[in-house]
C-alpha cells in the first residue's frame, strides 16, 4: 500500500530518510497478515540527531507569536478533516480497528486538536507582591523546551496527537517514538500532517525504533525535560525510574483494571449496554476498559442472562467490514496470551459462560464468572475481549472489591439514584469514574489520569499547561535593596 510505504521513514529535522539500524521493523495488518511497510530502525545516534534538531528549533518557536503557532495547528486540524477517510482506512489496516473504532478515534483526535489550538493562547503569567520594599515579582509560564513522547498501539493517532499537539502549541519541540506495531498511524502520519501544515523543520521529529536498538537513549538523553509515556505499568515504572535518575519530569498514563458496578436499583438493560461496550470496544485493548463487572446479587441473574446474550451476538471478523464489532488483537503474541489466560482461569475453577477461541489474531469474546477471590486474573489488566462477572452483596462489598486492585484509572457506577452513585464513586480509589455511563471516556478539557499503578500526572485542558510548561520567576528591584554586608 503506497500510503504506508510513502510514510515508512524516519522524520528528523524536516527530512524523510531511512534509519541506519541493521534491521527492519515490519508493519503488518493484524487481520490478514499483509505486510504494509518495512522500516529500517533508527539508531541511538539518530535519536540524538532528533533531539538536537528539536533543541535547535525550539527557542525560535517559543519566541513565535502564539497566534502564529495557533495558525499551524488550525491548518493541521483542517488537514485531518480533509484526509479523514484516508486516516480511517489506515487505522483499520494497521491496528485492526473496526470502522466504528476508527470513527471514534478520529472524532476524539479532532476534538483534542481543537483544544490544542486554544492552548496556544492560554498560558498566563502573574505579578505577585513582595515583602521587600520596591520589589516586583513577575512569574512567567514558559515552555519546558523539548518533550519526548512515547505512544501505544491501541489508539496510536489519538494518543500521539494528544501529547504532541499541546506540547507544540505551548512552544515546545517534540521527539515522538510510536509503538513498533503502529509506526505510521502513531508516528509518521502526524509528521506528514504537521509538515504540510507548515510546522518549521526540527520541531517535530519521529523516530521509529526499539529498545533493543537504542536502550534507554530516548529517556536518558540530556535534551528532553519531560517524557510523556502512555503504555503498560511495567514499562511505565521503568520510564519513571530512568526519568527520576536523570531529573526529568515523567507524565505517565498507564494501565487499568476498571470496575463497572451495577447496583440493585440500576436500569439493567442500560447497564448491560454500557458494560458490553466498556469491555469489548476495540477488542478490549483499552486501558479504561471494564475488566471487572460487579453486579449486585439482587439483579445478578437478570443482568448475566442479558449480558451474555448481547456479547454472544457481537460480530467477530474483518475490521474493514462495517458490520464487524470485534476485530483482531494487535499481534499473535497478544492473541495467544489472552487465549491462554482464559484457559488457565477456567482450569483453575472459573465458569466460562462464553469461552472465546482464537482464529489467527481474531479472539472471540469470553465471559467468566465463579472466580475465586484470590484469582490472579482479578488483579491484572486484560488487554483482550474477556469480561469477569463478579457478584456482590451491598455497597460496602462493591467498594471493597472495586478497590482490591493495584490500578486506579477509570470506573462506572449504575444506579437509579445519582447521588448514591456519586457517594460510591467518591469511595473508589480511581482517577476517573462515571455515573450511569461506560468506563471508556476522554474529553479535551477534563483532567485525565489515574491513581496507584495507573500513572502519574494528568493530561487534557489546563493539565497540559502544567505538564508542558514551567514557571520562571523574574524579580525587579525598582528601588535599592539593603544588604547586611
Protein backbone atom coordinates (compact mmCIF):
# COMPACT_ATOMS: atom_id res chain seq x y z
CA UNK A 1 0.00 0.00 0.00
CA UNK A 2 1.61 3.22 -1.17
CA UNK A 3 0.11 5.14 1.75
CA UNK A 4 2.22 3.12 4.18
CA UNK A 5 5.37 2.83 2.08
CA UNK A 6 5.38 6.61 1.48
CA UNK A 7 5.45 7.15 5.25
CA UNK A 8 7.84 4.31 6.10
CA UNK A 9 10.80 6.53 7.00
CA UNK A 10 12.34 8.33 9.91
CA UNK A 11 11.47 12.02 10.10
CA UNK A 12 14.35 14.01 11.57
CA UNK A 13 14.98 17.75 11.25
CA UNK A 14 12.43 18.06 8.47
CA UNK A 15 13.97 15.26 6.39
CA UNK A 16 12.43 11.91 5.44
CA UNK A 17 15.13 9.28 5.50
CA UNK A 18 15.74 5.59 6.22
CA UNK A 19 17.03 4.58 9.62
CA UNK A 20 20.61 3.45 9.83
CA UNK A 21 19.98 0.42 12.04
CA UNK A 22 20.89 -3.05 10.79
CA UNK A 23 17.36 -4.47 10.96
CA UNK A 24 13.82 -3.52 9.98
CA UNK A 25 10.57 -3.06 11.82
CA UNK A 26 7.91 -4.79 9.75
CA UNK A 27 4.46 -3.22 9.84
CA UNK A 28 1.75 -5.89 9.42
CA UNK A 29 -2.01 -5.80 9.06
CA UNK A 30 -3.06 -7.80 12.17
CA UNK A 31 -6.17 -9.21 10.47
CA UNK A 32 -4.77 -10.73 7.28
CA UNK A 33 -1.02 -10.56 7.87
CA UNK A 34 -0.40 -8.30 4.87
CA UNK A 35 2.96 -6.56 5.03
CA UNK A 36 2.22 -2.84 4.99
CA UNK A 37 5.76 -1.48 5.24
CA UNK A 38 9.33 -2.25 6.19
CA UNK A 39 11.21 0.43 8.12
CA UNK A 40 14.93 0.32 8.99
CA UNK A 41 15.17 1.21 12.67
CA UNK A 42 16.64 4.43 13.97
CA UNK A 43 19.89 4.13 15.91
CA UNK A 44 20.85 5.82 19.16
CA UNK A 45 22.83 8.31 17.08
CA UNK A 46 19.71 9.18 15.11
CA UNK A 47 17.76 9.66 18.33
CA UNK A 48 20.49 12.11 19.33
CA UNK A 49 20.15 13.87 15.97
CA UNK A 50 16.40 14.16 16.50
CA UNK A 51 16.77 15.64 19.97
CA UNK A 52 19.50 18.05 18.83
CA UNK A 53 17.33 19.20 15.92
CA UNK A 54 14.46 19.78 18.33
CA UNK A 55 16.74 21.72 20.67
CA UNK A 56 17.97 23.96 17.84
CA UNK A 57 14.48 24.71 16.58
CA UNK A 58 12.66 25.15 19.87
CA UNK A 59 13.72 28.61 21.04
CA UNK A 60 12.65 30.36 17.86
CA UNK A 61 9.32 28.52 18.05
CA UNK A 62 8.87 29.59 21.69
CA UNK A 63 9.55 33.18 20.63
CA UNK A 64 6.99 32.93 17.82
CA UNK A 65 3.76 34.82 18.39
CA UNK A 66 1.30 32.32 19.89
CA UNK A 67 -1.27 33.39 17.30
CA UNK A 68 1.13 32.17 14.63
CA UNK A 69 1.62 28.88 16.45
CA UNK A 70 -2.15 28.58 16.66
CA UNK A 71 -2.44 29.04 12.89
CA UNK A 72 -0.25 25.98 12.28
CA UNK A 73 -2.46 23.85 14.49
CA UNK A 74 -5.58 25.19 12.78
CA UNK A 75 -4.11 24.08 9.47
CA UNK A 76 -3.30 20.65 10.94
CA UNK A 77 -6.92 20.27 12.04
CA UNK A 78 -8.10 21.23 8.54
CA UNK A 79 -5.81 18.56 7.06
CA UNK A 80 -7.08 15.88 9.45
CA UNK A 81 -10.65 16.73 8.46
CA UNK A 82 -9.73 16.73 4.77
CA UNK A 83 -7.89 13.39 4.99
CA UNK A 84 -10.24 11.68 7.42
CA UNK A 85 -11.28 8.84 5.07
CA UNK A 86 -7.65 8.02 4.32
CA UNK A 87 -6.68 8.10 8.02
CA UNK A 88 -9.65 5.88 8.92
CA UNK A 89 -8.51 3.30 6.35
CA UNK A 90 -5.03 3.37 7.85
CA UNK A 91 -6.40 2.75 11.37
CA UNK A 92 -8.40 -0.23 10.09
CA UNK A 93 -5.38 -1.67 8.27
CA UNK A 94 -2.54 -1.03 10.70
CA UNK A 95 -4.12 -1.79 14.08
CA UNK A 96 -7.18 -3.82 13.19
CA UNK A 97 -9.56 -1.14 14.35
CA UNK A 98 -13.18 -1.59 13.31
CA UNK A 99 -14.93 1.11 11.30
CA UNK A 100 -16.70 2.18 14.49
CA UNK A 101 -13.41 2.38 16.36
CA UNK A 102 -11.71 4.37 13.61
CA UNK A 103 -14.54 6.90 13.64
CA UNK A 104 -14.40 7.11 17.44
CA UNK A 105 -10.64 7.71 17.42
CA UNK A 106 -10.81 10.35 14.71
CA UNK A 107 -13.66 12.19 16.40
CA UNK A 108 -11.62 12.44 19.61
CA UNK A 109 -8.46 13.39 17.72
CA UNK A 110 -10.22 16.36 16.13
CA UNK A 111 -11.63 17.45 19.49
CA UNK A 112 -8.18 17.33 21.08
CA UNK A 113 -6.70 19.30 18.20
CA UNK A 114 -9.37 21.96 18.71
CA UNK A 115 -8.37 22.19 22.38
CA UNK A 116 -4.66 22.37 21.48
CA UNK A 117 -5.44 25.32 19.20
CA UNK A 118 -6.87 27.18 22.19
CA UNK A 119 -3.95 26.17 24.44
CA UNK A 120 -1.55 28.27 22.38
CA UNK A 121 -3.12 31.41 23.86
CA UNK A 122 -3.90 30.19 27.36
CA UNK A 123 -0.67 30.35 29.43
CA UNK A 124 -0.81 33.37 31.70
CA UNK A 125 1.79 34.97 33.93
CA UNK A 126 1.36 36.64 37.32
CA UNK A 127 2.60 39.68 39.16
CA UNK A 128 2.98 38.81 42.83
CA UNK A 129 3.63 41.08 45.82
CA UNK A 130 6.92 41.05 47.69
CA UNK A 131 7.70 41.70 51.37
CA UNK A 132 10.73 43.65 50.13
CA UNK A 133 10.09 47.35 49.57
CA UNK A 134 10.31 48.39 45.91
CA UNK A 135 10.39 44.84 44.52
CA UNK A 136 8.13 43.49 41.79
CA UNK A 137 7.77 39.74 41.20
CA UNK A 138 6.84 38.54 37.75
CA UNK A 139 6.07 34.85 37.23
CA UNK A 140 6.12 33.71 33.61
CA UNK A 141 4.82 30.49 32.07
CA UNK A 142 7.47 29.24 29.65
CA UNK A 143 7.81 26.08 27.57
CA UNK A 144 9.77 23.24 29.15
CA UNK A 145 11.84 23.04 25.93
CA UNK A 146 11.85 19.60 24.33
CA UNK A 147 9.32 16.86 25.10
CA UNK A 148 9.82 13.17 24.42
CA UNK A 149 6.58 11.36 23.58
CA UNK A 150 6.21 7.56 23.61
CA UNK A 151 2.82 6.37 22.39
CA UNK A 152 0.98 2.99 22.44
CA UNK A 153 -0.59 0.82 19.74
CA UNK A 154 -4.24 0.84 20.75
CA UNK A 155 -5.23 4.43 19.88
CA UNK A 156 -1.98 5.50 18.21
CA UNK A 157 -3.16 8.50 16.21
CA UNK A 158 -5.15 9.98 19.08
CA UNK A 159 -2.69 9.25 21.87
CA UNK A 160 0.31 10.55 19.95
CA UNK A 161 -1.57 13.67 18.93
CA UNK A 162 -2.84 14.15 22.48
CA UNK A 163 0.67 14.99 23.74
CA UNK A 164 2.29 16.23 20.53
CA UNK A 165 -0.24 18.94 19.65
CA UNK A 166 -0.41 20.63 23.09
CA UNK A 167 3.36 20.47 23.50
CA UNK A 168 3.81 22.24 20.16
CA UNK A 169 1.03 24.73 20.85
CA UNK A 170 2.76 25.74 24.09
CA UNK A 171 6.07 26.46 22.36
CA UNK A 172 7.95 23.19 22.78
CA UNK A 173 9.63 20.90 20.27
CA UNK A 174 8.90 17.16 20.26
CA UNK A 175 10.60 13.85 19.55
CA UNK A 176 7.96 11.15 19.09
CA UNK A 177 8.55 7.41 19.25
CA UNK A 178 5.46 5.46 18.18
CA UNK A 179 4.83 1.84 19.11
CA UNK A 180 6.55 -0.67 16.81
CA UNK A 181 3.18 -2.16 15.80
CA UNK A 182 1.75 1.21 14.71
CA UNK A 183 4.66 3.28 13.36
CA UNK A 184 2.57 5.04 10.72
CA UNK A 185 -0.71 5.90 12.47
CA UNK A 186 1.13 6.71 15.69
CA UNK A 187 4.15 8.41 14.15
CA UNK A 188 4.95 9.44 10.62
CA UNK A 189 1.33 10.20 9.72
CA UNK A 190 1.45 13.00 12.30
CA UNK A 191 4.78 14.18 10.92
CA UNK A 192 3.29 14.45 7.42
CA UNK A 193 0.24 16.35 8.66
CA UNK A 194 2.27 18.89 10.62
CA UNK A 195 4.81 19.24 7.83
CA UNK A 196 2.01 20.01 5.38
CA UNK A 197 0.52 22.40 7.94
CA UNK A 198 3.70 24.49 7.82
CA UNK A 199 5.38 23.48 11.08
CA UNK A 200 9.04 24.55 10.83
CA UNK A 201 11.62 21.79 10.44
CA UNK A 202 13.03 20.27 13.60
CA UNK A 203 10.03 20.95 15.83
CA UNK A 204 8.50 17.51 15.37
CA UNK A 205 10.77 14.53 14.86
CA UNK A 206 9.63 10.91 14.60
CA UNK A 207 11.98 8.03 15.34
CA UNK A 208 10.80 4.50 14.60
CA UNK A 209 12.92 2.19 16.67
CA UNK A 210 13.04 -0.30 19.52
CA UNK A 211 14.66 -0.58 22.92
CA UNK A 212 16.69 -3.49 21.53
CA UNK A 213 18.42 -0.96 19.27
CA UNK A 214 18.61 2.20 21.40
CA UNK A 215 18.29 1.02 25.01
CA UNK A 216 17.25 3.93 27.22
CA UNK A 217 18.67 6.63 24.94
CA UNK A 218 15.26 8.19 24.41
CA UNK A 219 14.85 8.63 28.19
CA UNK A 220 18.40 9.38 29.28
CA UNK A 221 19.25 11.92 26.61
CA UNK A 222 20.11 15.30 28.19
CA UNK A 223 17.89 17.40 25.92
CA UNK A 224 14.28 16.46 26.81
CA UNK A 225 12.94 17.85 30.07
CA UNK A 226 9.63 15.97 30.04
CA UNK A 227 8.78 12.45 28.91
CA UNK A 228 5.12 11.75 28.14
CA UNK A 229 4.56 7.99 28.12
CA UNK A 230 1.38 6.01 27.52
CA UNK A 231 1.57 2.25 27.94
CA UNK A 232 1.80 -0.58 30.43
CA UNK A 233 2.53 -0.04 34.11
CA UNK A 234 5.55 -2.38 33.87
CA UNK A 235 7.24 -0.19 31.26
CA UNK A 236 5.93 2.95 32.96
CA UNK A 237 7.77 2.06 36.16
CA UNK A 238 10.99 1.78 34.19
CA UNK A 239 10.34 5.11 32.46
CA UNK A 240 9.69 6.76 35.84
CA UNK A 241 12.87 5.29 37.32
CA UNK A 242 15.10 6.44 34.46
CA UNK A 243 13.49 9.89 34.41
CA UNK A 244 13.99 10.28 38.16
CA UNK A 245 17.64 9.28 37.86
CA UNK A 246 18.07 11.96 35.19
CA UNK A 247 15.92 14.60 36.95
CA UNK A 248 13.29 14.66 34.23
CA UNK A 249 9.56 15.00 34.69
CA UNK A 250 7.54 11.94 33.66
CA UNK A 251 3.88 12.13 32.72
CA UNK A 252 2.62 8.56 32.80
CA UNK A 253 -0.73 7.29 31.51
CA UNK A 254 -0.66 3.59 32.35
CA UNK A 255 -2.90 0.53 32.53
CA UNK A 256 -6.14 -0.08 34.34
CA UNK A 257 -8.36 -2.74 35.85
CA UNK A 258 -11.57 -0.75 35.95
CA UNK A 259 -14.74 -1.89 37.68
CA UNK A 260 -18.21 -1.21 36.34
CA UNK A 261 -20.63 -1.55 39.26
CA UNK A 262 -24.29 -2.43 38.77
CA UNK A 263 -26.32 -1.64 41.90
CA UNK A 264 -29.64 -3.19 42.86
CA UNK A 265 -31.61 -0.17 41.62
CA UNK A 266 -29.89 0.11 38.23
CA UNK A 267 -31.59 0.11 34.85
CA UNK A 268 -30.38 -3.38 33.94
CA UNK A 269 -30.85 -3.16 30.17
CA UNK A 270 -28.95 0.12 30.02
CA UNK A 271 -26.21 -1.23 32.32
CA UNK A 272 -25.80 -4.22 30.02
CA UNK A 273 -25.31 -1.94 27.01
CA UNK A 274 -22.76 0.18 28.89
CA UNK A 275 -20.88 -2.86 30.19
CA UNK A 276 -20.66 -4.61 26.82
CA UNK A 277 -19.27 -1.51 25.13
CA UNK A 278 -16.93 -0.75 28.05
CA UNK A 279 -15.44 -4.25 27.96
CA UNK A 280 -15.34 -5.09 24.26
CA UNK A 281 -14.69 -1.82 22.41
CA UNK A 282 -11.56 -2.29 20.26
CA UNK A 283 -11.41 -5.93 21.35
CA UNK A 284 -10.83 -4.86 24.97
CA UNK A 285 -7.50 -3.24 24.08
CA UNK A 286 -8.32 -0.08 26.02
CA UNK A 287 -6.73 1.00 29.31
CA UNK A 288 -10.11 2.26 30.60
CA UNK A 289 -11.98 -0.94 29.68
CA UNK A 290 -14.25 -2.51 32.29
CA UNK A 291 -12.16 -5.56 33.14
CA UNK A 292 -14.37 -6.37 36.12
CA UNK A 293 -18.15 -6.11 36.04
CA UNK A 294 -19.55 -6.09 39.58
CA UNK A 295 -23.26 -6.94 39.90
CA UNK A 296 -25.47 -6.83 42.97
CA UNK A 297 -26.90 -10.29 43.65
CA UNK A 298 -30.40 -8.83 43.56
CA UNK A 299 -30.05 -8.29 39.80
CA UNK A 300 -27.30 -10.80 39.04
CA UNK A 301 -29.45 -13.39 37.25
CA UNK A 302 -31.21 -10.87 35.02
CA UNK A 303 -28.03 -8.94 34.22
CA UNK A 304 -25.98 -12.07 33.50
CA UNK A 305 -28.56 -13.55 31.13
CA UNK A 306 -28.90 -10.33 29.14
CA UNK A 307 -25.15 -9.57 29.20
CA UNK A 308 -24.15 -12.99 27.89
CA UNK A 309 -26.80 -12.86 25.18
CA UNK A 310 -25.62 -9.47 23.97
CA UNK A 311 -21.95 -10.48 24.00
CA UNK A 312 -22.75 -13.68 22.11
CA UNK A 313 -24.42 -11.58 19.39
CA UNK A 314 -21.30 -9.49 18.68
CA UNK A 315 -19.88 -9.93 15.19
CA UNK A 316 -16.25 -11.06 15.07
CA UNK A 317 -14.32 -10.68 11.85
CA UNK A 318 -12.73 -8.40 9.27
CA UNK A 319 -12.43 -4.89 10.73
CA UNK A 320 -12.90 -3.42 7.26
CA UNK A 321 -16.46 -4.79 7.24
CA UNK A 322 -18.78 -2.14 8.74
CA UNK A 323 -20.79 -4.92 10.43
CA UNK A 324 -17.78 -6.12 12.45
CA UNK A 325 -17.77 -5.22 16.14
CA UNK A 326 -14.80 -7.35 17.27
CA UNK A 327 -11.69 -7.23 15.11
CA UNK A 328 -8.24 -8.75 15.62
CA UNK A 329 -5.87 -8.25 18.51
CA UNK A 330 -2.73 -6.36 17.60
CA UNK A 331 -0.48 -9.40 17.11
CA UNK A 332 -0.24 -13.17 17.54
CA UNK A 333 1.56 -12.89 20.87
CA UNK A 334 -1.33 -10.93 22.33
CA UNK A 335 -3.90 -13.34 20.89
CA UNK A 336 -2.08 -16.34 22.32
CA UNK A 337 -1.64 -14.64 25.70
CA UNK A 338 -5.34 -13.80 26.04
CA UNK A 339 -6.44 -17.30 24.98
CA UNK A 340 -4.02 -18.90 27.42
CA UNK A 341 -5.24 -16.66 30.25
CA UNK A 342 -8.86 -17.72 29.67
CA UNK A 343 -7.92 -21.41 29.56
CA UNK A 344 -5.86 -21.14 32.75
CA UNK A 345 -8.61 -19.29 34.60
CA UNK A 346 -11.23 -21.90 33.63
CA UNK A 347 -8.85 -24.72 34.58
CA UNK A 348 -8.46 -23.07 38.00
CA UNK A 349 -12.21 -23.31 38.63
CA UNK A 350 -13.89 -20.36 36.92
CA UNK A 351 -17.04 -20.89 34.88
CA UNK A 352 -16.98 -19.85 31.24
CA UNK A 353 -20.41 -18.56 30.26
CA UNK A 354 -18.76 -17.88 26.92
CA UNK A 355 -15.36 -19.38 26.10
CA UNK A 356 -13.71 -17.44 23.32
CA UNK A 357 -11.38 -19.13 20.87
CA UNK A 358 -8.57 -17.78 18.74
CA UNK A 359 -8.57 -17.88 14.96
CA UNK A 360 -5.32 -16.23 14.00
CA UNK A 361 -5.37 -12.85 15.71
CA UNK A 362 -9.16 -12.92 15.99
CA UNK A 363 -10.23 -13.87 19.51
CA UNK A 364 -13.94 -14.25 20.15
CA UNK A 365 -15.35 -12.89 23.42
CA UNK A 366 -15.20 -14.72 26.73
CA UNK A 367 -17.37 -14.17 29.80
CA UNK A 368 -16.07 -15.71 33.03
CA UNK A 369 -17.73 -15.96 36.42
CA UNK A 370 -17.38 -18.03 39.61
CA UNK A 371 -13.88 -16.64 40.19
CA UNK A 372 -12.14 -17.29 43.48
CA UNK A 373 -11.48 -14.14 45.48
CA UNK A 374 -7.73 -14.74 45.16
CA UNK A 375 -7.79 -15.46 41.42
CA UNK A 376 -4.75 -13.79 39.80
CA UNK A 377 -6.85 -12.67 36.85
CA UNK A 378 -8.74 -10.25 39.13
CA UNK A 379 -5.55 -8.30 39.80
CA UNK A 380 -4.36 -7.73 36.25
CA UNK A 381 -5.22 -5.75 33.19
CA UNK A 382 -6.63 -7.95 30.42
CA UNK A 383 -5.92 -6.40 27.02
CA UNK A 384 -8.43 -8.54 25.18
CA UNK A 385 -12.14 -9.46 24.86
CA UNK A 386 -12.60 -11.10 28.27
CA UNK A 387 -15.19 -10.00 30.85
CA UNK A 388 -15.17 -11.03 34.50
CA UNK A 389 -18.58 -11.06 36.22
CA UNK A 390 -18.37 -10.68 39.99
CA UNK A 391 -21.44 -10.72 42.29
CA UNK A 392 -21.59 -8.66 45.48
CA UNK A 393 -23.92 -8.03 48.42
CA UNK A 394 -24.45 -4.33 49.13
CA UNK A 395 -22.48 -1.15 48.57
CA UNK A 396 -19.66 -1.78 51.03
CA UNK A 397 -18.70 -5.05 49.39
CA UNK A 398 -18.87 -3.45 45.94
CA UNK A 399 -16.48 -0.71 47.04
CA UNK A 400 -14.12 -3.21 48.67
CA UNK A 401 -13.94 -5.36 45.53
CA UNK A 402 -13.56 -2.35 43.23
CA UNK A 403 -10.63 -1.08 45.31
CA UNK A 404 -8.97 -4.50 45.54
CA UNK A 405 -6.58 -3.86 42.65
CA UNK A 406 -3.21 -2.19 42.20
CA UNK A 407 -4.75 0.01 39.50
CA UNK A 408 -6.97 3.09 39.67
CA UNK A 409 -7.74 4.53 36.25
CA UNK A 410 -11.46 4.55 35.44
CA UNK A 411 -14.73 3.02 36.55
CA UNK A 412 -18.52 3.35 36.47
CA UNK A 413 -21.49 3.01 38.80
CA UNK A 414 -25.02 2.25 37.59
CA UNK A 415 -27.86 3.21 39.88
CA UNK A 416 -31.33 4.76 39.91
CA UNK A 417 -30.11 7.28 42.48
CA UNK A 418 -27.47 9.62 41.08
CA UNK A 419 -26.25 10.92 44.43
CA UNK A 420 -25.91 7.35 45.70
CA UNK A 421 -23.70 6.68 42.71
CA UNK A 422 -21.62 9.78 43.41
CA UNK A 423 -21.13 8.74 47.05
CA UNK A 424 -19.88 5.34 45.95
CA UNK A 425 -17.70 6.91 43.27
CA UNK A 426 -16.03 9.07 45.90
CA UNK A 427 -15.05 5.94 47.84
CA UNK A 428 -13.35 4.24 44.89
CA UNK A 429 -9.63 4.92 44.53
CA UNK A 430 -9.52 5.88 40.89
CA UNK A 431 -8.65 8.93 38.85
CA UNK A 432 -11.94 8.92 36.93
CA UNK A 433 -15.37 7.40 37.49
CA UNK A 434 -18.64 7.77 35.60
CA UNK A 435 -22.18 7.54 36.96
CA UNK A 436 -24.68 5.74 34.71
CA UNK A 437 -22.29 5.51 31.79
CA UNK A 438 -19.45 3.43 30.42
CA UNK A 439 -15.85 3.39 31.66
CA UNK A 440 -14.27 4.48 28.37
CA UNK A 441 -14.28 8.28 28.20
CA UNK A 442 -11.82 11.03 27.38
CA UNK A 443 -12.67 14.70 26.97
CA UNK A 444 -10.34 17.53 25.91
CA UNK A 445 -10.71 19.84 28.92
CA UNK A 446 -11.26 17.34 31.76
CA UNK A 447 -8.17 16.10 33.69
CA UNK A 448 -7.34 12.58 32.50
CA UNK A 449 -5.19 10.22 34.53
CA UNK A 450 -5.05 7.55 37.19
CA UNK A 451 -4.05 6.72 40.74
CA UNK A 452 -1.86 3.93 42.12
CA UNK A 453 -0.28 1.88 39.30
CA UNK A 454 -2.34 3.66 36.66
CA UNK A 455 0.02 6.58 36.29
CA UNK A 456 1.44 9.91 37.39
CA UNK A 457 0.13 13.34 36.48
CA UNK A 458 -2.79 14.41 34.35
CA UNK A 459 -3.35 15.39 30.74
CA UNK A 460 -6.04 17.48 28.95
CA UNK A 461 -7.06 21.11 29.32
CA UNK A 462 -5.14 23.15 31.85
CA UNK A 463 -3.30 19.98 32.91
CA UNK A 464 -1.43 20.23 29.59
CA UNK A 465 -0.10 23.61 30.69
CA UNK A 466 1.10 22.03 33.93
CA UNK A 467 2.73 19.18 32.02
CA UNK A 468 4.44 21.07 29.20
CA UNK A 469 5.33 24.47 30.66
CA UNK A 470 7.24 25.59 33.73
CA UNK A 471 7.36 28.69 35.91
CA UNK A 472 10.06 31.32 35.60
CA UNK A 473 10.38 33.95 38.35
CA UNK A 474 11.85 37.31 37.40
CA UNK A 475 12.05 39.90 40.16
CA UNK A 476 12.69 43.61 39.62
CA UNK A 477 14.02 45.92 42.33
CA UNK A 478 12.71 49.37 41.47
CA UNK A 479 14.41 50.92 44.48
CA UNK A 480 17.58 49.78 46.24
CA UNK A 481 17.88 46.68 48.39
CA UNK A 482 19.65 46.83 51.74
CA UNK A 483 22.36 44.18 52.11
CA UNK A 484 23.68 43.10 55.51
CA UNK A 485 27.33 43.34 54.39
